[in-house]
Amino acid sequence: MGLGNIGFTEIMLLLVVVLLLFGAKRIPEIAGSFGKGIKEFKKNMNDVQRDITESVRDDRVGPPSSRDSLAPGERAAPRDSASTEDRPEPKRLLS
């Protein structure tokens, strides 16, 4: 059964059940909490995306000290991707 099969009657029945379970006074509170949760989730997703974008941009540019110490026309040595100088050990999600 997909969501495309839900008609007006089923939606009204669902709303009546929700009204009976939670009461008329609690429904606005629940809806407000749900809206705040979605807003916080979107904010956190945007923060994570911005952090990733800034991290990628910083990795492409390189550290400021190596850029500033080069003479004009001189190129910086490529960064060793295997070095772990500034990178902490990744956390394990599963044991």
C-alpha atoms as a PDB file:
ATOM      1  CA  MET A   1       0.000   0.000   0.000  1.00  0.00           C
ATOM      2  CA  GLY A   2       1.536   3.282  -1.058  1.00  0.00           C
ATOM      3  CA  LEU A   3       0.753   6.777   0.104  1.00  0.00           C
ATOM      4  CA  GLY A   4      -0.890   7.497  -3.247  1.00  0.00           C
ATOM      5  CA  ASN A   5      -3.828   5.286  -2.235  1.00  0.00           C
ATOM      6  CA  ILE A   6      -4.853   7.396   0.772  1.00  0.00           C
ATOM      7  CA  GLY A   7      -8.065   9.246   0.121  1.00  0.00           C
ATOM      8  CA  PHE A   8     -10.019  11.971   1.878  1.00  0.00           C
ATOM      9  CA  THR A   9     -11.936   9.469   4.038  1.00  0.00           C
ATOM     10  CA  GLU A  10      -8.763   7.833   5.341  1.00  0.00           C
ATOM     11  CA  ILE A  11      -7.202  11.211   6.150  1.00  0.00           C
ATOM     12  CA  MET A  12     -10.307  12.336   8.066  1.00  0.00           C
ATOM     13  CA  LEU A  13     -10.388   9.046   9.987  1.00  0.00           C
ATOM     14  CA  LEU A  14      -6.718   9.471  10.883  1.00  0.00           C
ATOM     15  CA  LEU A  15      -7.309  13.049  12.093  1.00  0.00           C
ATOM     16  CA  VAL A  16     -10.238  11.906  14.271  1.00  0.00           C
ATOM     17  CA  VAL A  17      -8.086   9.176  15.848  1.00  0.00           C
ATOM     18  CA  VAL A  18      -5.290  11.679  16.543  1.00  0.00           C
ATOM     19  CA  LEU A  19      -7.811  14.090  18.052  1.00  0.00           C
ATOM     20  CA  LEU A  20      -9.188  11.356  20.323  1.00  0.00           C
ATOM     21  CA  LEU A  21      -5.732  10.185  21.406  1.00  0.00           C
ATOM     22  CA  PHE A  22      -4.149  13.555  22.184  1.00  0.00           C
ATOM     23  CA  GLY A  23      -7.037  15.949  22.724  1.00  0.00           C
ATOM     24  CA  ALA A  24      -7.679  19.319  21.112  1.00  0.00           C
ATOM     25  CA  LYS A  25      -5.346  21.243  23.460  1.00  0.00           C
ATOM     26  CA  ARG A  26      -2.308  19.030  22.867  1.00  0.00           C
ATOM     27  CA  ILE A  27      -2.396  18.986  19.043  1.00  0.00           C
ATOM     28  CA  PRO A  28      -1.015  22.562  18.602  1.00  0.00           C
ATOM     29  CA  GLU A  29       1.766  21.769  21.106  1.00  0.00           C
ATOM     30  CA  ILE A  30       2.685  18.599  19.230  1.00  0.00           C
ATOM     31  CA  ALA A  31       2.622  20.385  15.873  1.00  0.00           C
ATOM     32  CA  GLY A  32       4.798  23.199  17.261  1.00  0.00           C
ATOM     33  CA  SER A  33       7.316  20.726  18.664  1.00  0.00           C
ATOM     34  CA  PHE A  34       7.376  18.881  15.362  1.00  0.00           C
ATOM     35  CA  GLY A  35       8.002  22.145  13.478  1.00  0.00           C
ATOM     36  CA  LYS A  36      10.809  23.146  15.861  1.00  0.00           C
ATOM     37  CA  GLY A  37      12.394  19.723  15.426  1.00  0.00           C
ATOM     38  CA  ILE A  38      12.356  20.022  11.642  1.00  0.00           C
ATOM     39  CA  LYS A  39      13.787  23.562  11.839  1.00  0.00           C
ATOM     40  CA  GLU A  40      16.619  22.406  14.136  1.00  0.00           C
ATOM     41  CA  PHE A  41      17.358  19.431  11.883  1.00  0.00           C
ATOM     42  CA  LYS A  42      17.621  21.668   8.794  1.00  0.00           C
ATOM     43  CA  LYS A  43      19.845  24.132  10.690  1.00  0.00           C
ATOM     44  CA  ASN A  44      22.204  21.348  11.751  1.00  0.00           C
ATOM     45  CA  MET A  45      22.299  19.916   8.224  1.00  0.00           C
ATOM     46  CA  ASN A  46      23.220  23.361   6.828  1.00  0.00           C
ATOM     47  CA  ASP A  47      25.937  23.757   9.499  1.00  0.00           C
ATOM     48  CA  VAL A  48      27.440  20.368   8.632  1.00  0.00           C
ATOM     49  CA  GLN A  49      27.329  21.122   4.906  1.00  0.00           C
ATOM     50  CA  ARG A  50      29.000  24.511   5.476  1.00  0.00           C
ATOM     51  CA  ASP A  51      31.715  22.898   7.656  1.00  0.00           C
ATOM     52  CA  ILE A  52      32.426  20.296   4.966  1.00  0.00           C
ATOM     53  CA  THR A  53      32.568  22.948   2.245  1.00  0.00           C
ATOM     54  CA  GLU A  54      34.940  25.111   4.307  1.00  0.00           C
ATOM     55  CA  SER A  55      37.115  22.090   5.106  1.00  0.00           C
ATOM     56  CA  VAL A  56      37.407  21.161   1.422  1.00  0.00           C
ATOM     57  CA  ARG A  57      38.149  24.778   0.508  1.00  0.00           C
ATOM     58  CA  ASP A  58      40.849  24.984   3.232  1.00  0.00           C
ATOM     59  CA  ASP A  59      42.438  21.726   2.044  1.00  0.00           C
ATOM     60  CA  ARG A  60      42.666  23.044  -1.515  1.00  0.00           C
ATOM     61  CA  VAL A  61      44.247  26.321  -0.444  1.00  0.00           C
ATOM     62  CA  GLY A  62      46.714  24.813   2.013  1.00  0.00           C
ATOM     63  CA  PRO A  63      48.003  26.281   5.250  1.00  0.00           C
ATOM     64  CA  PRO A  64      48.624  30.056   5.121  1.00  0.00           C
ATOM     65  CA  SER A  65      52.223  29.756   6.359  1.00  0.00           C
ATOM     66  CA  SER A  66      53.335  27.644   3.383  1.00  0.00           C
ATOM     67  CA  ARG A  67      51.594  29.957   0.915  1.00  0.00           C
ATOM     68  CA  ASP A  68      53.014  33.170   2.339  1.00  0.00           C
ATOM     69  CA  SER A  69      56.628  31.954   2.553  1.00  0.00           C
ATOM     70  CA  LEU A  70      56.899  31.102  -1.148  1.00  0.00           C
ATOM     71  CA  ALA A  71      58.631  33.417  -3.563  1.00  0.00           C
ATOM     72  CA  PRO A  72      56.640  34.598  -6.605  1.00  0.00           C
ATOM     73  CA  GLY A  73      56.500  31.853  -9.225  1.00  0.00           C
ATOM     74  CA  GLU A  74      57.551  29.168  -6.737  1.00  0.00           C
ATOM     75  CA  ARG A  75      55.150  26.250  -6.209  1.00  0.00           C
ATOM     76  CA  ALA A  76      54.361  24.531  -2.937  1.00  0.00           C
ATOM     77  CA  ALA A  77      55.201  20.859  -2.578  1.00  0.00           C
ATOM     78  CA  PRO A  78      52.137  18.602  -2.799  1.00  0.00           C
ATOM     79  CA  ARG A  79      50.685  17.571   0.529  1.00  0.00           C
ATOM     80  CA  ASP A  80      51.134  13.968   1.542  1.00  0.00           C
ATOM     81  CA  SER A  81      47.640  12.501   1.849  1.00  0.00           C
ATOM     82  CA  ALA A  82      48.933   9.758   4.157  1.00  0.00           C
ATOM     83  CA  SER A  83      50.251  12.196   6.771  1.00  0.00           C
ATOM     84  CA  THR A  84      48.276  12.412   9.978  1.00  0.00           C
ATOM     85  CA  GLU A  85      49.834  15.548  11.417  1.00  0.00           C
ATOM     86  CA  ASP A  86      46.598  17.527  11.944  1.00  0.00           C
ATOM     87  CA  ARG A  87      44.021  14.777  11.592  1.00  0.00           C
ATOM     88  CA  PRO A  88      42.679  12.941  14.643  1.00  0.00           C
ATOM     89  CA  GLU A  89      41.968   9.254  14.468  1.00  0.00           C
ATOM     90  CA  PRO A  90      38.462   8.634  13.051  1.00  0.00           C
ATOM     91  CA  LYS A  91      35.802   7.444  15.469  1.00  0.00           C
ATOM     92  CA  ARG A  92      34.422   3.981  14.950  1.00  0.00           C
ATOM     93  CA  LEU A  93      30.671   3.813  14.491  1.00  0.00           C
ATOM     94  CA  LEU A  94      30.358   0.079  15.024  1.00  0.00           C
ATOM     95  CA  SER A  95      32.260  -2.013  17.559  1.00  0.00           C
END
